[in-house]
N, C-alpha and C. Protein backbone atom coordinates (compact mmCIF):
# COMPACT_ATOMS: atom_id res chain seq x y z
N MET A 1 -14.09 29.39 -11.40
CA MET A 1 -13.03 28.52 -11.93
C MET A 1 -11.70 29.24 -11.83
N GLY A 2 -10.66 28.55 -11.32
CA GLY A 2 -9.35 29.16 -11.15
C GLY A 2 -8.64 29.35 -12.48
N ILE A 3 -7.53 30.08 -12.43
CA ILE A 3 -6.84 30.43 -13.67
C ILE A 3 -6.26 29.20 -14.38
N LEU A 4 -5.73 28.25 -13.62
CA LEU A 4 -5.16 27.07 -14.26
C LEU A 4 -6.26 26.17 -14.81
N LYS A 5 -7.28 25.93 -14.02
CA LYS A 5 -8.38 25.09 -14.48
C LYS A 5 -9.03 25.70 -15.71
N ASN A 6 -9.19 27.01 -15.71
CA ASN A 6 -9.76 27.70 -16.86
C ASN A 6 -8.88 27.51 -18.09
N HIS A 7 -7.57 27.63 -17.89
CA HIS A 7 -6.63 27.47 -19.00
C HIS A 7 -6.67 26.06 -19.56
N LEU A 8 -6.72 25.06 -18.68
CA LEU A 8 -6.76 23.67 -19.14
C LEU A 8 -8.02 23.41 -19.96
N VAL A 9 -9.13 23.97 -19.53
CA VAL A 9 -10.40 23.76 -20.23
C VAL A 9 -10.41 24.45 -21.59
N LYS A 10 -9.92 25.69 -21.63
CA LYS A 10 -10.03 26.49 -22.84
C LYS A 10 -8.90 26.30 -23.84
N GLU A 11 -7.69 26.02 -23.33
CA GLU A 11 -6.51 26.06 -24.20
C GLU A 11 -5.85 24.70 -24.44
N CYS A 12 -6.18 23.69 -23.63
CA CYS A 12 -5.52 22.39 -23.75
C CYS A 12 -6.49 21.32 -24.23
N ASP A 13 -5.93 20.24 -24.74
CA ASP A 13 -6.75 19.11 -25.15
C ASP A 13 -7.46 18.54 -23.93
N PRO A 14 -8.78 18.39 -24.00
CA PRO A 14 -9.53 17.90 -22.82
C PRO A 14 -9.13 16.50 -22.37
N ARG A 15 -8.45 15.75 -23.24
CA ARG A 15 -8.02 14.41 -22.88
C ARG A 15 -6.70 14.38 -22.12
N LEU A 16 -6.01 15.51 -22.11
CA LEU A 16 -4.66 15.55 -21.53
C LEU A 16 -4.61 15.13 -20.05
N PRO A 17 -5.46 15.68 -19.17
CA PRO A 17 -5.38 15.26 -17.75
C PRO A 17 -5.57 13.75 -17.57
N GLY A 18 -6.51 13.17 -18.30
CA GLY A 18 -6.75 11.74 -18.17
C GLY A 18 -5.57 10.91 -18.62
N TYR A 19 -4.96 11.29 -19.72
CA TYR A 19 -3.80 10.56 -20.23
C TYR A 19 -2.62 10.67 -19.26
N LEU A 20 -2.39 11.86 -18.71
CA LEU A 20 -1.27 12.03 -17.79
C LEU A 20 -1.49 11.23 -16.50
N SER A 21 -2.70 11.29 -15.97
CA SER A 21 -3.00 10.53 -14.76
C SER A 21 -2.85 9.02 -15.01
N HIS A 22 -3.36 8.56 -16.14
CA HIS A 22 -3.27 7.15 -16.49
C HIS A 22 -1.81 6.72 -16.62
N SER A 23 -0.98 7.58 -17.19
CA SER A 23 0.44 7.27 -17.36
C SER A 23 1.11 7.00 -16.02
N VAL A 24 0.86 7.88 -15.06
CA VAL A 24 1.49 7.73 -13.75
C VAL A 24 0.96 6.47 -13.05
N LYS A 25 -0.33 6.24 -13.12
CA LYS A 25 -0.92 5.05 -12.48
C LYS A 25 -0.33 3.77 -13.06
N GLU A 26 -0.17 3.73 -14.38
CA GLU A 26 0.39 2.54 -15.01
C GLU A 26 1.84 2.32 -14.59
N ALA A 27 2.59 3.39 -14.43
CA ALA A 27 3.98 3.26 -13.99
C ALA A 27 4.04 2.64 -12.59
N TYR A 28 3.17 3.09 -11.71
CA TYR A 28 3.14 2.52 -10.36
C TYR A 28 2.68 1.07 -10.38
N ARG A 29 1.74 0.76 -11.26
CA ARG A 29 1.29 -0.64 -11.37
C ARG A 29 2.45 -1.55 -11.74
N VAL A 30 3.24 -1.12 -12.72
CA VAL A 30 4.38 -1.94 -13.15
C VAL A 30 5.44 -2.00 -12.07
N LEU A 31 5.63 -0.89 -11.34
CA LEU A 31 6.59 -0.89 -10.24
C LEU A 31 6.24 -1.97 -9.22
N HIS A 32 4.97 -2.04 -8.85
CA HIS A 32 4.57 -3.03 -7.84
C HIS A 32 4.56 -4.45 -8.41
N ASP A 33 4.23 -4.59 -9.68
CA ASP A 33 4.34 -5.91 -10.31
C ASP A 33 5.78 -6.39 -10.26
N LEU A 34 6.71 -5.47 -10.51
CA LEU A 34 8.14 -5.81 -10.51
C LEU A 34 8.58 -6.22 -9.10
N ILE A 35 8.17 -5.46 -8.10
CA ILE A 35 8.56 -5.76 -6.72
C ILE A 35 7.99 -7.11 -6.28
N ASN A 36 6.71 -7.33 -6.61
CA ASN A 36 6.05 -8.57 -6.18
C ASN A 36 6.63 -9.80 -6.88
N ALA A 37 7.11 -9.62 -8.11
CA ALA A 37 7.62 -10.74 -8.88
C ALA A 37 9.10 -11.04 -8.59
N ASN A 38 9.75 -10.11 -7.88
CA ASN A 38 11.18 -10.28 -7.61
C ASN A 38 11.46 -10.06 -6.13
N PRO A 39 11.43 -11.13 -5.34
CA PRO A 39 11.62 -11.01 -3.89
C PRO A 39 12.88 -10.28 -3.49
N VAL A 40 13.90 -10.30 -4.35
CA VAL A 40 15.15 -9.63 -4.01
C VAL A 40 14.92 -8.14 -3.78
N LEU A 41 13.92 -7.56 -4.48
CA LEU A 41 13.66 -6.13 -4.33
C LEU A 41 13.01 -5.79 -2.99
N LYS A 42 12.53 -6.80 -2.28
CA LYS A 42 11.90 -6.56 -0.98
C LYS A 42 12.93 -6.49 0.13
N ASN A 43 14.18 -6.82 -0.19
CA ASN A 43 15.24 -6.70 0.80
C ASN A 43 15.47 -5.22 1.11
N LYS A 44 15.71 -4.93 2.35
CA LYS A 44 15.85 -3.54 2.80
C LYS A 44 16.90 -2.79 2.02
N GLU A 45 18.02 -3.45 1.73
CA GLU A 45 19.11 -2.77 1.04
C GLU A 45 18.79 -2.45 -0.42
N MET A 46 17.70 -3.02 -0.94
CA MET A 46 17.34 -2.77 -2.34
C MET A 46 16.34 -1.62 -2.48
N ARG A 47 15.78 -1.16 -1.37
CA ARG A 47 14.76 -0.11 -1.46
C ARG A 47 15.31 1.19 -2.01
N TYR A 48 16.63 1.36 -1.94
CA TYR A 48 17.23 2.58 -2.49
C TYR A 48 16.93 2.72 -3.97
N ALA A 49 16.70 1.60 -4.64
CA ALA A 49 16.50 1.61 -6.08
C ALA A 49 15.07 1.97 -6.48
N TYR A 50 14.14 1.92 -5.54
CA TYR A 50 12.73 2.14 -5.88
C TYR A 50 12.50 3.51 -6.54
N GLY A 51 13.10 4.54 -5.97
CA GLY A 51 12.89 5.88 -6.49
C GLY A 51 13.38 6.03 -7.92
N HIS A 52 14.55 5.45 -8.20
CA HIS A 52 15.09 5.52 -9.56
C HIS A 52 14.20 4.76 -10.54
N ILE A 53 13.75 3.60 -10.13
CA ILE A 53 12.89 2.79 -11.00
C ILE A 53 11.56 3.50 -11.23
N ARG A 54 11.01 4.07 -10.17
CA ARG A 54 9.73 4.79 -10.27
C ARG A 54 9.83 5.93 -11.28
N LYS A 55 10.86 6.74 -11.17
CA LYS A 55 11.02 7.88 -12.07
C LYS A 55 11.13 7.44 -13.53
N ALA A 56 11.94 6.42 -13.78
CA ALA A 56 12.13 5.94 -15.14
C ALA A 56 10.82 5.40 -15.71
N LEU A 57 10.06 4.68 -14.89
CA LEU A 57 8.79 4.13 -15.35
C LEU A 57 7.77 5.23 -15.63
N VAL A 58 7.71 6.24 -14.77
CA VAL A 58 6.76 7.34 -14.99
C VAL A 58 7.10 8.10 -16.26
N ASP A 59 8.37 8.47 -16.42
CA ASP A 59 8.77 9.22 -17.62
C ASP A 59 8.49 8.43 -18.89
N THR A 60 8.80 7.15 -18.86
CA THR A 60 8.59 6.31 -20.04
C THR A 60 7.11 6.10 -20.32
N SER A 61 6.34 5.92 -19.27
CA SER A 61 4.90 5.71 -19.43
C SER A 61 4.24 6.94 -20.07
N ILE A 62 4.63 8.13 -19.62
CA ILE A 62 4.08 9.36 -20.20
C ILE A 62 4.40 9.43 -21.69
N ARG A 63 5.65 9.13 -22.03
CA ARG A 63 6.04 9.18 -23.44
C ARG A 63 5.24 8.20 -24.28
N ILE A 64 5.10 6.98 -23.80
CA ILE A 64 4.38 5.95 -24.56
C ILE A 64 2.92 6.34 -24.75
N VAL A 65 2.27 6.78 -23.69
CA VAL A 65 0.85 7.12 -23.77
C VAL A 65 0.61 8.28 -24.73
N LEU A 66 1.40 9.33 -24.60
CA LEU A 66 1.17 10.49 -25.46
C LEU A 66 1.56 10.22 -26.91
N GLU A 67 2.65 9.51 -27.13
CA GLU A 67 3.07 9.22 -28.50
C GLU A 67 2.11 8.28 -29.21
N ASN A 68 1.39 7.46 -28.46
CA ASN A 68 0.44 6.53 -29.07
C ASN A 68 -1.00 7.07 -29.05
N SER A 69 -1.17 8.26 -28.52
CA SER A 69 -2.46 8.93 -28.61
C SER A 69 -2.41 9.84 -29.83
N ASP A 70 -3.52 10.51 -30.13
CA ASP A 70 -3.48 11.44 -31.25
C ASP A 70 -3.41 12.88 -30.75
N ILE A 71 -2.89 13.07 -29.53
CA ILE A 71 -2.62 14.41 -29.02
C ILE A 71 -1.26 14.85 -29.55
N PRO A 72 -1.20 15.90 -30.36
CA PRO A 72 0.09 16.37 -30.85
C PRO A 72 1.00 16.74 -29.68
N CYS A 73 2.21 16.23 -29.69
CA CYS A 73 3.12 16.52 -28.59
C CYS A 73 4.57 16.41 -29.05
N LYS A 74 5.41 17.09 -28.32
CA LYS A 74 6.86 17.00 -28.50
C LYS A 74 7.45 16.64 -27.15
N ILE A 75 8.21 15.56 -27.12
CA ILE A 75 8.75 15.07 -25.86
C ILE A 75 10.27 15.01 -25.95
N GLU A 76 10.93 15.60 -24.97
CA GLU A 76 12.39 15.61 -24.94
C GLU A 76 12.91 15.16 -23.59
N ARG A 77 14.09 14.56 -23.63
CA ARG A 77 14.83 14.24 -22.41
C ARG A 77 16.00 15.21 -22.36
N LYS A 78 16.10 15.98 -21.29
CA LYS A 78 17.14 16.98 -21.19
C LYS A 78 18.06 16.68 -20.01
N ALA A 79 19.34 16.75 -20.28
CA ALA A 79 20.33 16.47 -19.23
C ALA A 79 20.43 17.65 -18.28
N VAL A 80 20.55 17.35 -17.00
CA VAL A 80 20.71 18.40 -15.99
C VAL A 80 22.13 18.93 -15.99
N SER A 81 23.10 18.07 -16.29
CA SER A 81 24.49 18.48 -16.32
C SER A 81 25.18 17.83 -17.51
N SER A 82 26.44 18.16 -17.69
CA SER A 82 27.21 17.62 -18.81
C SER A 82 27.84 16.26 -18.48
N ILE A 83 27.59 15.76 -17.29
CA ILE A 83 28.16 14.48 -16.88
C ILE A 83 27.56 13.36 -17.74
N LYS A 84 28.40 12.52 -18.29
CA LYS A 84 27.93 11.42 -19.12
C LYS A 84 27.03 10.49 -18.31
N ASN A 85 25.89 10.12 -18.92
CA ASN A 85 24.92 9.23 -18.28
C ASN A 85 24.38 9.81 -16.96
N GLY A 86 24.39 11.15 -16.88
CA GLY A 86 23.89 11.80 -15.67
C GLY A 86 22.37 11.91 -15.67
N TYR A 87 21.87 12.60 -14.66
CA TYR A 87 20.43 12.75 -14.46
C TYR A 87 19.79 13.51 -15.61
N GLU A 88 18.64 13.04 -16.05
CA GLU A 88 17.88 13.71 -17.10
C GLU A 88 16.44 13.89 -16.63
N HIS A 89 15.80 14.92 -17.16
CA HIS A 89 14.39 15.12 -16.87
C HIS A 89 13.61 15.18 -18.18
N THR A 90 12.32 14.94 -18.08
CA THR A 90 11.45 14.90 -19.26
C THR A 90 10.71 16.22 -19.41
N MET A 91 10.62 16.70 -20.65
CA MET A 91 9.86 17.90 -20.97
C MET A 91 8.87 17.55 -22.07
N LEU A 92 7.61 17.91 -21.87
CA LEU A 92 6.61 17.69 -22.90
C LEU A 92 6.01 19.02 -23.32
N GLU A 93 5.87 19.16 -24.61
CA GLU A 93 5.21 20.35 -25.14
C GLU A 93 3.94 19.90 -25.87
N VAL A 94 2.80 20.36 -25.39
CA VAL A 94 1.51 20.05 -25.98
C VAL A 94 0.77 21.36 -26.20
N LYS A 95 -0.36 21.27 -26.84
CA LYS A 95 -1.17 22.47 -27.06
C LYS A 95 -1.53 23.10 -25.71
N GLY A 96 -1.08 24.34 -25.53
CA GLY A 96 -1.44 25.08 -24.34
C GLY A 96 -0.52 24.94 -23.15
N ALA A 97 0.54 24.13 -23.25
CA ALA A 97 1.38 23.94 -22.06
C ALA A 97 2.73 23.32 -22.38
N ILE A 98 3.71 23.66 -21.57
CA ILE A 98 4.97 22.94 -21.48
C ILE A 98 4.99 22.32 -20.09
N ILE A 99 5.20 21.02 -20.01
CA ILE A 99 5.01 20.29 -18.76
C ILE A 99 6.23 19.43 -18.44
N SER A 100 6.62 19.42 -17.18
CA SER A 100 7.69 18.54 -16.73
C SER A 100 7.20 17.77 -15.50
N PRO A 101 7.35 16.45 -15.49
CA PRO A 101 6.92 15.66 -14.34
C PRO A 101 7.94 15.66 -13.22
N SER A 102 7.44 15.60 -11.98
CA SER A 102 8.34 15.57 -10.83
C SER A 102 7.62 14.96 -9.64
N VAL A 103 8.29 14.10 -8.91
CA VAL A 103 7.72 13.54 -7.69
C VAL A 103 7.87 14.56 -6.57
N THR A 104 6.89 14.61 -5.66
CA THR A 104 6.96 15.50 -4.51
C THR A 104 6.68 14.71 -3.24
N ARG A 105 7.16 15.22 -2.12
CA ARG A 105 7.02 14.50 -0.84
C ARG A 105 5.60 14.61 -0.29
N ASN A 106 4.86 15.67 -0.68
CA ASN A 106 3.45 15.81 -0.30
C ASN A 106 2.77 16.76 -1.27
N LYS A 107 1.47 16.91 -1.15
CA LYS A 107 0.70 17.70 -2.12
C LYS A 107 1.06 19.18 -2.08
N LYS A 108 1.49 19.69 -0.96
CA LYS A 108 1.81 21.10 -0.85
C LYS A 108 3.21 21.43 -1.36
N ALA A 109 4.06 20.46 -1.39
CA ALA A 109 5.47 20.70 -1.74
C ALA A 109 5.62 21.15 -3.18
N LEU A 110 6.56 22.06 -3.40
CA LEU A 110 6.89 22.52 -4.75
C LEU A 110 8.33 22.11 -5.05
N PRO A 111 8.55 21.32 -6.09
CA PRO A 111 9.91 20.86 -6.41
C PRO A 111 10.75 21.99 -7.01
N LYS A 112 11.49 22.68 -6.17
CA LYS A 112 12.19 23.89 -6.61
C LYS A 112 13.20 23.63 -7.71
N LYS A 113 13.81 22.45 -7.69
CA LYS A 113 14.80 22.15 -8.73
C LYS A 113 14.15 22.04 -10.10
N ALA A 114 12.84 21.81 -10.13
CA ALA A 114 12.14 21.65 -11.41
C ALA A 114 11.61 22.97 -11.96
N LEU A 115 11.75 24.06 -11.19
CA LEU A 115 11.15 25.32 -11.60
C LEU A 115 11.73 25.90 -12.87
N HIS A 116 13.01 25.69 -13.08
CA HIS A 116 13.69 26.38 -14.18
C HIS A 116 14.13 25.43 -15.29
N ARG A 117 13.43 24.34 -15.44
CA ARG A 117 13.78 23.38 -16.49
C ARG A 117 13.48 23.94 -17.87
N SER A 118 12.53 24.85 -17.96
CA SER A 118 12.15 25.42 -19.25
C SER A 118 12.31 26.94 -19.21
N THR A 119 12.76 27.52 -20.33
CA THR A 119 12.84 28.97 -20.39
C THR A 119 11.46 29.58 -20.29
N ASN A 120 10.42 28.81 -20.59
CA ASN A 120 9.07 29.33 -20.46
C ASN A 120 8.69 29.58 -19.01
N SER A 121 9.47 29.02 -18.08
CA SER A 121 9.18 29.29 -16.68
C SER A 121 9.37 30.77 -16.38
N ILE A 122 10.22 31.44 -17.17
CA ILE A 122 10.44 32.87 -16.98
C ILE A 122 9.14 33.63 -17.21
N LYS A 123 8.35 33.16 -18.16
CA LYS A 123 7.08 33.82 -18.46
C LYS A 123 6.12 33.74 -17.29
N ASN A 124 6.25 32.70 -16.47
CA ASN A 124 5.39 32.60 -15.30
C ASN A 124 5.65 33.74 -14.33
N ALA A 125 6.84 34.34 -14.41
CA ALA A 125 7.17 35.44 -13.51
C ALA A 125 6.53 36.75 -13.96
N GLN A 126 5.85 36.73 -15.10
CA GLN A 126 5.19 37.93 -15.59
C GLN A 126 3.93 38.25 -14.80
N PHE A 127 3.49 37.32 -14.01
CA PHE A 127 2.31 37.56 -13.18
C PHE A 127 2.52 36.87 -11.84
N ASP A 128 1.63 37.12 -10.89
CA ASP A 128 1.79 36.52 -9.57
C ASP A 128 0.46 35.99 -9.07
N LEU A 129 0.37 35.74 -7.80
CA LEU A 129 -0.81 35.12 -7.23
C LEU A 129 -2.06 35.99 -7.32
N PHE A 130 -1.89 37.28 -7.66
CA PHE A 130 -3.01 38.20 -7.64
C PHE A 130 -3.54 38.54 -9.03
N HIS A 131 -3.00 37.90 -10.07
CA HIS A 131 -3.49 38.16 -11.42
C HIS A 131 -4.83 37.47 -11.63
N THR A 132 -5.63 38.04 -12.47
CA THR A 132 -6.95 37.50 -12.78
C THR A 132 -6.86 36.54 -13.95
N VAL A 133 -7.97 35.86 -14.24
CA VAL A 133 -8.02 34.95 -15.38
C VAL A 133 -7.72 35.70 -16.66
N GLU A 134 -8.26 36.91 -16.79
CA GLU A 134 -8.04 37.70 -18.00
C GLU A 134 -6.56 38.01 -18.18
N ASP A 135 -5.88 38.31 -17.07
CA ASP A 135 -4.44 38.59 -17.15
C ASP A 135 -3.69 37.38 -17.68
N LEU A 136 -4.03 36.20 -17.20
CA LEU A 136 -3.36 34.98 -17.63
C LEU A 136 -3.57 34.76 -19.12
N ASN A 137 -4.79 34.95 -19.57
CA ASN A 137 -5.08 34.75 -20.99
C ASN A 137 -4.35 35.75 -21.86
N GLU A 138 -4.08 36.94 -21.33
CA GLU A 138 -3.33 37.93 -22.10
C GLU A 138 -1.86 37.55 -22.19
N LYS A 139 -1.34 36.92 -21.18
CA LYS A 139 0.09 36.58 -21.15
C LYS A 139 0.42 35.39 -22.03
N TYR A 140 -0.53 34.47 -22.15
CA TYR A 140 -0.22 33.22 -22.83
C TYR A 140 -1.07 33.03 -24.07
N ASP A 141 -0.46 32.44 -25.08
CA ASP A 141 -1.18 32.05 -26.27
C ASP A 141 -0.49 30.81 -26.82
N GLU A 142 -0.85 30.38 -28.03
CA GLU A 142 -0.29 29.14 -28.56
C GLU A 142 1.21 29.25 -28.81
N ASN A 143 1.73 30.47 -28.91
CA ASN A 143 3.16 30.64 -29.15
C ASN A 143 3.95 30.78 -27.85
N THR A 144 3.29 31.08 -26.77
CA THR A 144 3.96 31.21 -25.47
C THR A 144 3.16 30.47 -24.40
N PRO A 145 3.16 29.14 -24.45
CA PRO A 145 2.40 28.37 -23.46
C PRO A 145 3.01 28.45 -22.07
N PRO A 146 2.20 28.36 -21.02
CA PRO A 146 2.74 28.40 -19.66
C PRO A 146 3.49 27.13 -19.31
N TYR A 147 4.38 27.26 -18.36
CA TYR A 147 5.16 26.13 -17.85
C TYR A 147 4.44 25.53 -16.65
N MET A 148 4.14 24.26 -16.72
CA MET A 148 3.44 23.58 -15.64
C MET A 148 4.27 22.41 -15.14
N LEU A 149 3.98 21.99 -13.92
CA LEU A 149 4.61 20.81 -13.36
C LEU A 149 3.55 19.74 -13.14
N LEU A 150 3.85 18.55 -13.61
CA LEU A 150 3.02 17.38 -13.33
C LEU A 150 3.62 16.72 -12.10
N THR A 151 2.97 16.87 -10.96
CA THR A 151 3.52 16.32 -9.72
C THR A 151 2.73 15.09 -9.29
N TYR A 152 3.44 14.18 -8.69
CA TYR A 152 2.82 12.96 -8.17
C TYR A 152 3.56 12.56 -6.90
N GLY A 153 2.85 11.85 -6.04
CA GLY A 153 3.48 11.45 -4.80
C GLY A 153 2.86 10.19 -4.24
N ASP A 154 3.55 9.58 -3.30
CA ASP A 154 3.09 8.31 -2.77
C ASP A 154 3.40 8.19 -1.29
N LYS A 155 2.86 7.16 -0.68
CA LYS A 155 3.18 6.80 0.68
C LYS A 155 3.60 5.34 0.66
N ASN A 156 4.85 5.10 1.03
CA ASN A 156 5.42 3.75 0.92
C ASN A 156 5.26 3.20 -0.50
N TYR A 157 5.45 4.10 -1.47
CA TYR A 157 5.39 3.77 -2.89
C TYR A 157 4.00 3.34 -3.35
N GLN A 158 2.98 3.73 -2.59
CA GLN A 158 1.59 3.57 -3.03
C GLN A 158 1.12 4.94 -3.49
N LEU A 159 0.76 5.06 -4.76
CA LEU A 159 0.40 6.36 -5.33
C LEU A 159 -0.75 7.00 -4.55
N GLN A 160 -0.58 8.28 -4.22
CA GLN A 160 -1.59 9.02 -3.46
C GLN A 160 -2.26 10.12 -4.30
N TYR A 161 -1.52 10.74 -5.20
CA TYR A 161 -2.09 11.86 -5.96
C TYR A 161 -1.30 12.12 -7.24
N VAL A 162 -2.00 12.73 -8.20
CA VAL A 162 -1.39 13.23 -9.44
C VAL A 162 -2.00 14.61 -9.67
N GLU A 163 -1.15 15.62 -9.86
CA GLU A 163 -1.65 16.99 -10.01
C GLU A 163 -0.91 17.73 -11.12
N LEU A 164 -1.59 18.70 -11.69
CA LEU A 164 -0.96 19.68 -12.57
C LEU A 164 -0.91 20.99 -11.81
N GLY A 165 0.25 21.64 -11.82
CA GLY A 165 0.39 22.87 -11.07
C GLY A 165 1.06 23.97 -11.87
N LEU A 166 0.65 25.19 -11.59
CA LEU A 166 1.25 26.37 -12.21
C LEU A 166 2.08 27.07 -11.14
N PRO A 167 3.41 27.04 -11.27
CA PRO A 167 4.25 27.63 -10.21
C PRO A 167 4.52 29.11 -10.43
N ASP A 168 4.61 29.84 -9.35
CA ASP A 168 5.06 31.23 -9.37
C ASP A 168 6.57 31.18 -9.19
N ILE A 169 7.28 31.47 -10.25
CA ILE A 169 8.74 31.33 -10.24
C ILE A 169 9.40 32.27 -9.23
N SER A 170 8.95 33.50 -9.17
CA SER A 170 9.62 34.49 -8.34
C SER A 170 9.49 34.19 -6.85
N SER A 171 8.32 33.75 -6.41
CA SER A 171 8.12 33.48 -4.98
C SER A 171 8.29 32.01 -4.63
N GLU A 172 8.50 31.17 -5.66
CA GLU A 172 8.63 29.72 -5.47
C GLU A 172 7.46 29.17 -4.67
N ARG A 173 6.27 29.53 -5.14
CA ARG A 173 5.02 29.05 -4.54
C ARG A 173 4.09 28.62 -5.66
N TRP A 174 3.08 27.86 -5.29
CA TRP A 174 2.08 27.46 -6.28
C TRP A 174 1.09 28.61 -6.49
N ILE A 175 0.81 28.90 -7.75
CA ILE A 175 -0.27 29.83 -8.07
C ILE A 175 -1.60 29.08 -8.00
N GLU A 176 -1.58 27.91 -8.61
CA GLU A 176 -2.77 27.06 -8.53
C GLU A 176 -2.38 25.64 -8.92
N LYS A 177 -3.08 24.68 -8.34
CA LYS A 177 -2.90 23.28 -8.71
C LYS A 177 -4.27 22.66 -8.98
N VAL A 178 -4.27 21.68 -9.87
CA VAL A 178 -5.50 20.96 -10.19
C VAL A 178 -5.23 19.47 -9.99
N ASP A 179 -6.03 18.83 -9.15
CA ASP A 179 -5.88 17.41 -8.90
C ASP A 179 -6.48 16.63 -10.07
N ILE A 180 -5.66 15.82 -10.72
CA ILE A 180 -6.14 15.04 -11.88
C ILE A 180 -6.09 13.54 -11.60
N THR A 181 -5.96 13.18 -10.32
CA THR A 181 -5.82 11.77 -9.96
C THR A 181 -6.94 10.92 -10.53
N GLN A 182 -8.16 11.42 -10.45
CA GLN A 182 -9.32 10.65 -10.89
C GLN A 182 -9.78 11.00 -12.30
N SER A 183 -8.97 11.77 -13.03
CA SER A 183 -9.33 12.12 -14.41
C SER A 183 -9.40 10.87 -15.26
N LEU A 184 -10.40 10.80 -16.10
CA LEU A 184 -10.62 9.61 -16.91
C LEU A 184 -9.96 9.75 -18.27
N VAL A 185 -9.59 8.61 -18.85
CA VAL A 185 -9.06 8.59 -20.20
C VAL A 185 -10.23 8.67 -21.16
N LEU A 186 -10.28 9.74 -21.95
CA LEU A 186 -11.38 9.94 -22.88
C LEU A 186 -10.96 9.45 -24.26
N VAL A 187 -11.55 8.36 -24.71
CA VAL A 187 -11.23 7.82 -26.04
C VAL A 187 -12.52 7.64 -26.83
N THR A 188 -12.43 7.91 -28.11
CA THR A 188 -13.59 7.72 -28.99
C THR A 188 -13.49 6.41 -29.75
N ASP A 189 -12.29 5.84 -29.76
CA ASP A 189 -12.06 4.60 -30.49
C ASP A 189 -11.40 3.60 -29.54
N LYS A 190 -12.09 2.52 -29.25
CA LYS A 190 -11.56 1.51 -28.33
C LYS A 190 -10.25 0.90 -28.82
N SER A 191 -10.06 0.89 -30.13
CA SER A 191 -8.82 0.33 -30.67
C SER A 191 -7.63 1.18 -30.26
N ASP A 192 -7.84 2.51 -30.14
CA ASP A 192 -6.76 3.39 -29.68
C ASP A 192 -6.36 3.05 -28.25
N GLU A 193 -7.36 2.82 -27.42
CA GLU A 193 -7.10 2.47 -26.02
C GLU A 193 -6.36 1.14 -25.94
N SER A 194 -6.74 0.19 -26.77
CA SER A 194 -6.10 -1.12 -26.77
C SER A 194 -4.65 -1.01 -27.22
N THR A 195 -4.41 -0.19 -28.24
CA THR A 195 -3.05 0.00 -28.76
C THR A 195 -2.15 0.60 -27.69
N ILE A 196 -2.65 1.62 -27.00
CA ILE A 196 -1.86 2.27 -25.96
C ILE A 196 -1.54 1.30 -24.84
N GLN A 197 -2.54 0.52 -24.41
CA GLN A 197 -2.32 -0.40 -23.30
C GLN A 197 -1.34 -1.50 -23.69
N LYS A 198 -1.44 -1.99 -24.91
CA LYS A 198 -0.53 -3.04 -25.36
C LYS A 198 0.91 -2.52 -25.40
N GLU A 199 1.08 -1.30 -25.89
CA GLU A 199 2.42 -0.71 -25.96
C GLU A 199 2.97 -0.46 -24.56
N LEU A 200 2.09 -0.03 -23.66
CA LEU A 200 2.51 0.18 -22.28
C LEU A 200 3.00 -1.13 -21.65
N ASP A 201 2.20 -2.17 -21.80
CA ASP A 201 2.55 -3.45 -21.20
C ASP A 201 3.89 -3.97 -21.70
N LEU A 202 4.10 -3.88 -23.01
CA LEU A 202 5.34 -4.39 -23.60
C LEU A 202 6.55 -3.55 -23.19
N SER A 203 6.43 -2.24 -23.35
CA SER A 203 7.58 -1.37 -23.13
C SER A 203 7.93 -1.24 -21.65
N LEU A 204 6.92 -1.08 -20.80
CA LEU A 204 7.21 -0.92 -19.38
C LEU A 204 7.74 -2.20 -18.76
N THR A 205 7.23 -3.34 -19.22
CA THR A 205 7.73 -4.61 -18.70
C THR A 205 9.20 -4.80 -19.08
N ALA A 206 9.54 -4.49 -20.33
CA ALA A 206 10.93 -4.61 -20.78
C ALA A 206 11.83 -3.64 -20.01
N LEU A 207 11.35 -2.42 -19.80
CA LEU A 207 12.14 -1.43 -19.06
C LEU A 207 12.32 -1.88 -17.62
N ALA A 208 11.26 -2.39 -17.01
CA ALA A 208 11.34 -2.83 -15.61
C ALA A 208 12.38 -3.93 -15.45
N GLU A 209 12.42 -4.86 -16.39
CA GLU A 209 13.40 -5.94 -16.33
C GLU A 209 14.82 -5.40 -16.46
N GLU A 210 15.00 -4.41 -17.32
CA GLU A 210 16.32 -3.81 -17.50
C GLU A 210 16.75 -3.08 -16.22
N LEU A 211 15.80 -2.34 -15.62
CA LEU A 211 16.11 -1.61 -14.39
C LEU A 211 16.41 -2.56 -13.25
N LEU A 212 15.72 -3.68 -13.22
CA LEU A 212 15.97 -4.68 -12.18
C LEU A 212 17.39 -5.21 -12.29
N ARG A 213 17.82 -5.52 -13.51
CA ARG A 213 19.19 -6.02 -13.69
C ARG A 213 20.20 -4.97 -13.24
N GLY A 214 19.94 -3.72 -13.57
CA GLY A 214 20.84 -2.66 -13.15
C GLY A 214 20.89 -2.51 -11.64
N ALA A 215 19.72 -2.61 -10.99
CA ALA A 215 19.67 -2.48 -9.53
C ALA A 215 20.42 -3.63 -8.86
N GLN A 216 20.26 -4.82 -9.40
CA GLN A 216 20.93 -5.98 -8.82
C GLN A 216 22.44 -5.91 -9.00
N ASP A 217 22.86 -5.32 -10.12
CA ASP A 217 24.30 -5.19 -10.38
C ASP A 217 24.90 -3.97 -9.71
N GLY A 218 24.00 -3.10 -9.18
CA GLY A 218 24.48 -1.87 -8.57
C GLY A 218 24.91 -0.86 -9.61
N THR A 219 24.36 -0.99 -10.83
CA THR A 219 24.78 -0.09 -11.92
C THR A 219 23.57 0.56 -12.56
N GLU A 220 22.50 0.79 -11.78
CA GLU A 220 21.32 1.39 -12.38
C GLU A 220 21.68 2.74 -12.98
N ASN A 221 21.22 2.97 -14.19
CA ASN A 221 21.51 4.22 -14.91
C ASN A 221 20.20 4.77 -15.40
N ILE A 222 19.60 5.62 -14.62
CA ILE A 222 18.25 6.08 -14.90
C ILE A 222 18.24 7.59 -15.00
């Protein structure tokens, strides 16, 4: 078992991969529902908006799923610059990890701009590709969780993969990645699953409609 997979099993909530994968899949589902229901979005000149809409739906879906689960989490939106209404990224802190989502062009790609979103990324530089599982466990504990990237990618906006990755900050390479695309949502109470799905449907649909209006007006602010 690799160092990241071992860490996820031993230090993180076992439901986390399933919830994260489900969040991304639901965001893509709503994206395609929005496109299919609004022919204007199929116009070539409107495709520029797809990426902005996708990102907003993924970030919001993750927040809704985790906040409505019983996984303790802290979720923040952090501005990249001081520009008003500028680009923001999502940071989640859960047991055993600090995670930021980012789209990538393919499974091998590492989103370099996302490497330094958290000061905990500095801790990743304490070891490299040659450290053992024991070394990783010595470096991290509940007070110093590792920084991970939740990456996802698509082909023509059809979701292809969802992964959790541990980046090597110094070499800007992946130490290890775990594919969670097929991870299942583990629930012990069906009512919890129903609550999450209902909240997703309501919130993502409302957000999609808002994003559509912004795209049509040329004023999308995502």
